[in-house]
């Protein structure tokens, strides 16, 4: 029986090589810390998906009485 080394991918945040296995809880990140740093960058809009701005007149009215 041969033992093969699992494929490794670089962490998108810090570049550390991380095994791509089902046991790697934070994949593709190397740790929860790197995952949360990435999430924070999206939440603060430092990361964005390019595209045109939404036309607010096309949005549905907000729910509620305000």
PDB file of N, CA and C in Angstrom:
ATOM      1  N   UNK A   1       0.850  -1.157   0.000  1.00  0.00           N
ATOM      2  CA  UNK A   1       0.000   0.000   0.000  1.00  0.00           C
ATOM      3  C   UNK A   1       0.909   1.238   0.000  1.00  0.00           C
ATOM      4  N   UNK A   2       0.693   2.150  -0.957  1.00  0.00           N
ATOM      5  CA  UNK A   2       1.528   3.341  -1.030  1.00  0.00           C
ATOM      6  C   UNK A   2       0.808   4.516  -0.384  1.00  0.00           C
ATOM      7  N   UNK A   3       1.569   5.299   0.320  1.00  0.00           N
ATOM      8  CA  UNK A   3       1.026   6.483   0.969  1.00  0.00           C
ATOM      9  C   UNK A   3       1.378   7.691   0.103  1.00  0.00           C
ATOM     10  N   UNK A   4       0.349   8.412  -0.365  1.00  0.00           N
ATOM     11  CA  UNK A   4       0.601   9.584  -1.190  1.00  0.00           C
ATOM     12  C   UNK A   4       0.375  10.828  -0.369  1.00  0.00           C
ATOM     13  N   UNK A   5       1.213  11.808  -0.614  1.00  0.00           N
ATOM     14  CA  UNK A   5       1.102  13.081   0.095  1.00  0.00           C
ATOM     15  C   UNK A   5      -0.085  13.848  -0.482  1.00  0.00           C
ATOM     16  N   UNK A   6      -0.931  14.434   0.386  1.00  0.00           N
ATOM     17  CA  UNK A   6      -2.084  15.178  -0.135  1.00  0.00           C
ATOM     18  C   UNK A   6      -1.626  16.427  -0.894  1.00  0.00           C
ATOM     19  N   UNK A   7      -2.438  16.835  -1.834  1.00  0.00           N
ATOM     20  CA  UNK A   7      -2.171  18.047  -2.594  1.00  0.00           C
ATOM     21  C   UNK A   7      -2.134  19.233  -1.632  1.00  0.00           C
ATOM     22  N   UNK A   8      -1.197  20.154  -1.863  1.00  0.00           N
ATOM     23  CA  UNK A   8      -1.104  21.348  -1.038  1.00  0.00           C
ATOM     24  C   UNK A   8      -1.380  22.576  -1.885  1.00  0.00           C
ATOM     25  N   UNK A   9      -2.113  23.523  -1.305  1.00  0.00           N
ATOM     26  CA  UNK A   9      -2.439  24.770  -1.989  1.00  0.00           C
ATOM     27  C   UNK A   9      -1.988  25.932  -1.105  1.00  0.00           C
ATOM     28  N   UNK A  10      -1.623  27.059  -1.701  1.00  0.00           N
ATOM     29  CA  UNK A  10      -1.232  28.203  -0.880  1.00  0.00           C
ATOM     30  C   UNK A  10      -2.454  28.876  -0.251  1.00  0.00           C
ATOM     31  N   UNK A  11      -2.318  29.263   0.998  1.00  0.00           N
ATOM     32  CA  UNK A  11      -3.377  30.008   1.686  1.00  0.00           C
ATOM     33  C   UNK A  11      -3.571  31.326   0.940  1.00  0.00           C
ATOM     34  N   UNK A  12      -4.815  31.691   0.602  1.00  0.00           N
ATOM     35  CA  UNK A  12      -5.056  32.940  -0.117  1.00  0.00           C
ATOM     36  C   UNK A  12      -4.627  34.182   0.663  1.00  0.00           C
ATOM     37  N   UNK A  13      -4.498  34.077   1.970  1.00  0.00           N
ATOM     38  CA  UNK A  13      -4.139  35.237   2.775  1.00  0.00           C
ATOM     39  C   UNK A  13      -2.632  35.349   2.987  1.00  0.00           C
ATOM     40  N   UNK A  14      -1.998  34.283   3.475  1.00  0.00           N
ATOM     41  CA  UNK A  14      -0.584  34.384   3.853  1.00  0.00           C
ATOM     42  C   UNK A  14       0.360  33.588   2.965  1.00  0.00           C
ATOM     43  N   UNK A  15      -0.189  32.692   2.133  1.00  0.00           N
ATOM     44  CA  UNK A  15       0.645  31.921   1.215  1.00  0.00           C
ATOM     45  C   UNK A  15       1.202  30.626   1.773  1.00  0.00           C
ATOM     46  N   UNK A  16       0.941  30.310   3.036  1.00  0.00           N
ATOM     47  CA  UNK A  16       1.404  29.054   3.630  1.00  0.00           C
ATOM     48  C   UNK A  16       0.796  27.875   2.882  1.00  0.00           C
ATOM     49  N   UNK A  17       1.625  26.883   2.517  1.00  0.00           N
ATOM     50  CA  UNK A  17       1.096  25.698   1.854  1.00  0.00           C
ATOM     51  C   UNK A  17       0.237  24.911   2.840  1.00  0.00           C
ATOM     52  N   UNK A  18      -0.969  24.586   2.388  1.00  0.00           N
ATOM     53  CA  UNK A  18      -1.968  23.945   3.236  1.00  0.00           C
ATOM     54  C   UNK A  18      -2.490  22.689   2.541  1.00  0.00           C
ATOM     55  N   UNK A  19      -2.577  21.555   3.257  1.00  0.00           N
ATOM     56  CA  UNK A  19      -3.099  20.339   2.614  1.00  0.00           C
ATOM     57  C   UNK A  19      -4.570  20.498   2.221  1.00  0.00           C
ATOM     58  N   UNK A  20      -4.894  20.015   1.033  1.00  0.00           N
ATOM     59  CA  UNK A  20      -6.276  20.066   0.536  1.00  0.00           C
ATOM     60  C   UNK A  20      -6.919  18.729   0.852  1.00  0.00           C
ATOM     61  N   UNK A  21      -7.390  18.609   2.099  1.00  0.00           N
ATOM     62  CA  UNK A  21      -8.045  17.373   2.543  1.00  0.00           C
ATOM     63  C   UNK A  21      -9.320  17.738   3.282  1.00  0.00           C
ATOM     64  N   UNK A  22     -10.194  16.752   3.439  1.00  0.00           N
ATOM     65  CA  UNK A  22     -11.446  17.004   4.160  1.00  0.00           C
ATOM     66  C   UNK A  22     -11.192  17.283   5.642  1.00  0.00           C
ATOM     67  N   UNK A  23     -10.049  16.859   6.155  1.00  0.00           N
ATOM     68  CA  UNK A  23      -9.713  17.117   7.559  1.00  0.00           C
ATOM     69  C   UNK A  23      -9.272  18.567   7.779  1.00  0.00           C
ATOM     70  N   UNK A  24      -8.861  19.259   6.722  1.00  0.00           N
ATOM     71  CA  UNK A  24      -8.423  20.655   6.853  1.00  0.00           C
ATOM     72  C   UNK A  24      -9.659  21.528   6.985  1.00  0.00           C
ATOM     73  N   UNK A  25      -9.986  21.894   8.211  1.00  0.00           N
ATOM     74  CA  UNK A  25     -11.221  22.583   8.553  1.00  0.00           C
ATOM     75  C   UNK A  25     -11.370  23.946   7.879  1.00  0.00           C
ATOM     76  N   UNK A  26     -10.285  24.660   7.637  1.00  0.00           N
ATOM     77  CA  UNK A  26     -10.363  26.037   7.157  1.00  0.00           C
ATOM     78  C   UNK A  26     -10.015  26.184   5.678  1.00  0.00           C
ATOM     79  N   UNK A  27      -9.891  25.092   4.940  1.00  0.00           N
ATOM     80  CA  UNK A  27      -9.439  25.192   3.552  1.00  0.00           C
ATOM     81  C   UNK A  27     -10.290  26.130   2.731  1.00  0.00           C
ATOM     82  N   UNK A  28      -9.766  26.886   1.849  1.00  0.00           N
ATOM     83  CA  UNK A  28      -8.381  26.887   1.380  1.00  0.00           C
ATOM     84  C   UNK A  28      -7.437  27.680   2.280  1.00  0.00           C
ATOM     85  N   UNK A  29      -7.931  28.206   3.404  1.00  0.00           N
ATOM     86  CA  UNK A  29      -7.075  28.969   4.314  1.00  0.00           C
ATOM     87  C   UNK A  29      -6.321  28.014   5.227  1.00  0.00           C
ATOM     88  N   UNK A  30      -5.198  28.499   5.778  1.00  0.00           N
ATOM     89  CA  UNK A  30      -4.390  27.646   6.652  1.00  0.00           C
ATOM     90  C   UNK A  30      -4.921  27.625   8.077  1.00  0.00           C
ATOM     91  N   UNK A  31      -5.710  28.642   8.449  1.00  0.00           N
ATOM     92  CA  UNK A  31      -6.189  28.735   9.828  1.00  0.00           C
ATOM     93  C   UNK A  31      -7.460  29.573   9.888  1.00  0.00           C
ATOM     94  N   UNK A  32      -8.103  29.523  11.044  1.00  0.00           N
ATOM     95  CA  UNK A  32      -9.285  30.350  11.246  1.00  0.00           C
ATOM     96  C   UNK A  32      -8.907  31.830  11.174  1.00  0.00           C
ATOM     97  N   UNK A  33      -7.737  32.182  11.676  1.00  0.00           N
ATOM     98  CA  UNK A  33      -7.280  33.570  11.641  1.00  0.00           C
ATOM     99  C   UNK A  33      -7.231  34.104  10.217  1.00  0.00           C
ATOM    100  N   UNK A  34      -6.618  33.358   9.301  1.00  0.00           N
ATOM    101  CA  UNK A  34      -6.534  33.799   7.902  1.00  0.00           C
ATOM    102  C   UNK A  34      -7.928  33.883   7.270  1.00  0.00           C
ATOM    103  N   UNK A  35      -8.800  32.958   7.619  1.00  0.00           N
ATOM    104  CA  UNK A  35     -10.167  32.992   7.095  1.00  0.00           C
ATOM    105  C   UNK A  35     -10.895  34.251   7.561  1.00  0.00           C
ATOM    106  N   UNK A  36     -10.750  34.611   8.840  1.00  0.00           N
ATOM    107  CA  UNK A  36     -11.423  35.786   9.378  1.00  0.00           C
ATOM    108  C   UNK A  36     -10.830  37.092   8.833  1.00  0.00           C
ATOM    109  N   UNK A  37      -9.530  37.117   8.587  1.00  0.00           N
ATOM    110  CA  UNK A  37      -8.917  38.291   7.972  1.00  0.00           C
ATOM    111  C   UNK A  37      -9.527  38.510   6.590  1.00  0.00           C
ATOM    112  N   UNK A  38      -9.652  37.446   5.808  1.00  0.00           N
ATOM    113  CA  UNK A  38     -10.234  37.539   4.473  1.00  0.00           C
ATOM    114  C   UNK A  38     -11.690  37.998   4.548  1.00  0.00           C
ATOM    115  N   UNK A  39     -12.460  37.437   5.462  1.00  0.00           N
ATOM    116  CA  UNK A  39     -13.858  37.833   5.631  1.00  0.00           C
ATOM    117  C   UNK A  39     -13.958  39.313   5.986  1.00  0.00           C
ATOM    118  N   UNK A  40     -13.082  39.780   6.856  1.00  0.00           N
ATOM    119  CA  UNK A  40     -13.077  41.179   7.251  1.00  0.00           C
ATOM    120  C   UNK A  40     -12.800  42.114   6.075  1.00  0.00           C
ATOM    121  N   UNK A  41     -11.917  41.702   5.175  1.00  0.00           N
ATOM    122  CA  UNK A  41     -11.621  42.521   4.000  1.00  0.00           C
ATOM    123  C   UNK A  41     -12.835  42.629   3.082  1.00  0.00           C
ATOM    124  N   UNK A  42     -13.587  41.550   2.945  1.00  0.00           N
ATOM    125  CA  UNK A  42     -14.822  41.607   2.144  1.00  0.00           C
ATOM    126  C   UNK A  42     -15.865  42.466   2.856  1.00  0.00           C
ATOM    127  N   UNK A  43     -15.993  42.310   4.184  1.00  0.00           N
ATOM    128  CA  UNK A  43     -17.015  43.036   4.940  1.00  0.00           C
ATOM    129  C   UNK A  43     -16.785  44.542   4.929  1.00  0.00           C
ATOM    130  N   UNK A  44     -15.530  44.962   4.892  1.00  0.00           N
ATOM    131  CA  UNK A  44     -15.216  46.391   4.867  1.00  0.00           C
ATOM    132  C   UNK A  44     -15.083  46.924   3.444  1.00  0.00           C
ATOM    133  N   UNK A  45     -15.442  46.095   2.486  1.00  0.00           N
ATOM    134  CA  UNK A  45     -15.426  46.431   1.059  1.00  0.00           C
ATOM    135  C   UNK A  45     -14.042  46.780   0.536  1.00  0.00           C
ATOM    136  N   UNK A  46     -13.002  46.240   1.194  1.00  0.00           N
ATOM    137  CA  UNK A  46     -11.657  46.387   0.648  1.00  0.00           C
ATOM    138  C   UNK A  46     -11.459  45.412  -0.504  1.00  0.00           C
ATOM    139  N   UNK A  47     -12.212  44.316  -0.503  1.00  0.00           N
ATOM    140  CA  UNK A  47     -12.294  43.398  -1.636  1.00  0.00           C
ATOM    141  C   UNK A  47     -13.657  43.626  -2.263  1.00  0.00           C
ATOM    142  N   UNK A  48     -13.706  43.704  -3.574  1.00  0.00           N
ATOM    143  CA  UNK A  48     -14.972  43.887  -4.281  1.00  0.00           C
ATOM    144  C   UNK A  48     -14.965  43.097  -5.571  1.00  0.00           C
ATOM    145  N   UNK A  49     -16.128  42.704  -6.012  1.00  0.00           N
ATOM    146  CA  UNK A  49     -16.295  42.086  -7.316  1.00  0.00           C
ATOM    147  C   UNK A  49     -16.620  43.226  -8.279  1.00  0.00           C
ATOM    148  N   UNK A  50     -15.836  43.385  -9.354  1.00  0.00           N
ATOM    149  CA  UNK A  50     -16.091  44.502 -10.261  1.00  0.00           C
ATOM    150  C   UNK A  50     -17.448  44.379 -10.942  1.00  0.00           C
ATOM    151  N   UNK A  51     -18.053  45.516 -11.176  1.00  0.00           N
ATOM    152  CA  UNK A  51     -19.343  45.553 -11.851  1.00  0.00           C
ATOM    153  C   UNK A  51     -19.914  46.948 -11.801  1.00  0.00           C
ATOM    154  N   UNK A  52     -21.015  47.117 -12.464  1.00  0.00           N
ATOM    155  CA  UNK A  52     -21.667  48.413 -12.482  1.00  0.00           C
ATOM    156  C   UNK A  52     -22.502  48.596 -11.219  1.00  0.00           C
ATOM    157  N   UNK A  53     -22.639  49.843 -10.798  1.00  0.00           N
ATOM    158  CA  UNK A  53     -23.444  50.150  -9.618  1.00  0.00           C
ATOM    159  C   UNK A  53     -24.910  49.815  -9.893  1.00  0.00           C
ATOM    160  N   UNK A  54     -25.605  49.387  -8.852  1.00  0.00           N
ATOM    161  CA  UNK A  54     -27.019  49.049  -8.981  1.00  0.00           C
ATOM    162  C   UNK A  54     -27.846  50.316  -9.167  1.00  0.00           C
ATOM    163  N   UNK A  55     -28.877  50.219  -9.976  1.00  0.00           N
ATOM    164  CA  UNK A  55     -29.815  51.315 -10.163  1.00  0.00           C
ATOM    165  C   UNK A  55     -30.844  51.195  -9.042  1.00  0.00           C
ATOM    166  N   UNK A  56     -30.774  52.098  -8.079  1.00  0.00           N
ATOM    167  CA  UNK A  56     -31.630  51.986  -6.900  1.00  0.00           C
ATOM    168  C   UNK A  56     -33.114  52.079  -7.226  1.00  0.00           C
ATOM    169  N   UNK A  57     -33.479  52.671  -8.354  1.00  0.00           N
ATOM    170  CA  UNK A  57     -34.891  52.732  -8.733  1.00  0.00           C
ATOM    171  C   UNK A  57     -35.424  51.353  -9.121  1.00  0.00           C
ATOM    172  N   UNK A  58     -34.539  50.427  -9.403  1.00  0.00           N
ATOM    173  CA  UNK A  58     -34.927  49.070  -9.781  1.00  0.00           C
ATOM    174  C   UNK A  58     -35.062  48.136  -8.558  1.00  0.00           C
ATOM    175  N   UNK A  59     -34.618  48.599  -7.383  1.00  0.00           N
ATOM    176  CA  UNK A  59     -34.665  47.769  -6.178  1.00  0.00           C
ATOM    177  C   UNK A  59     -36.074  47.730  -5.609  1.00  0.00           C
ATOM    178  N   UNK A  60     -36.463  46.604  -4.991  1.00  0.00           N
ATOM    179  CA  UNK A  60     -37.792  46.542  -4.371  1.00  0.00           C
ATOM    180  C   UNK A  60     -37.844  47.466  -3.153  1.00  0.00           C
ATOM    181  N   UNK A  61     -39.048  47.922  -2.775  1.00  0.00           N
ATOM    182  CA  UNK A  61     -39.147  48.796  -1.601  1.00  0.00           C
ATOM    183  C   UNK A  61     -38.756  48.032  -0.335  1.00  0.00           C
ATOM    184  N   UNK A  62     -38.208  48.733   0.663  1.00  0.00           N
ATOM    185  CA  UNK A  62     -37.822  48.054   1.907  1.00  0.00           C
ATOM    186  C   UNK A  62     -39.046  47.573   2.669  1.00  0.00           C
ATOM    187  N   UNK A  63     -38.864  46.493   3.426  1.00  0.00           N
ATOM    188  CA  UNK A  63     -39.945  45.974   4.269  1.00  0.00           C
ATOM    189  C   UNK A  63     -40.101  46.862   5.493  1.00  0.00           C
ATOM    190  N   UNK A  64     -41.277  46.907   6.042  1.00  0.00           N
ATOM    191  CA  UNK A  64     -41.507  47.674   7.265  1.00  0.00           C
ATOM    192  C   UNK A  64     -42.324  48.918   7.005  1.00  0.00           C
ATOM    193  N   UNK A  65     -42.591  49.635   8.085  1.00  0.00           N
ATOM    194  CA  UNK A  65     -43.436  50.821   8.027  1.00  0.00           C
ATOM    195  C   UNK A  65     -42.638  52.113   7.903  1.00  0.00           C
ATOM    196  N   UNK A  66     -41.323  52.050   7.828  1.00  0.00           N
ATOM    197  CA  UNK A  66     -40.538  53.285   7.794  1.00  0.00           C
ATOM    198  C   UNK A  66     -40.457  53.906   6.433  1.00  0.00           C
TER     199      UNK A  66
END
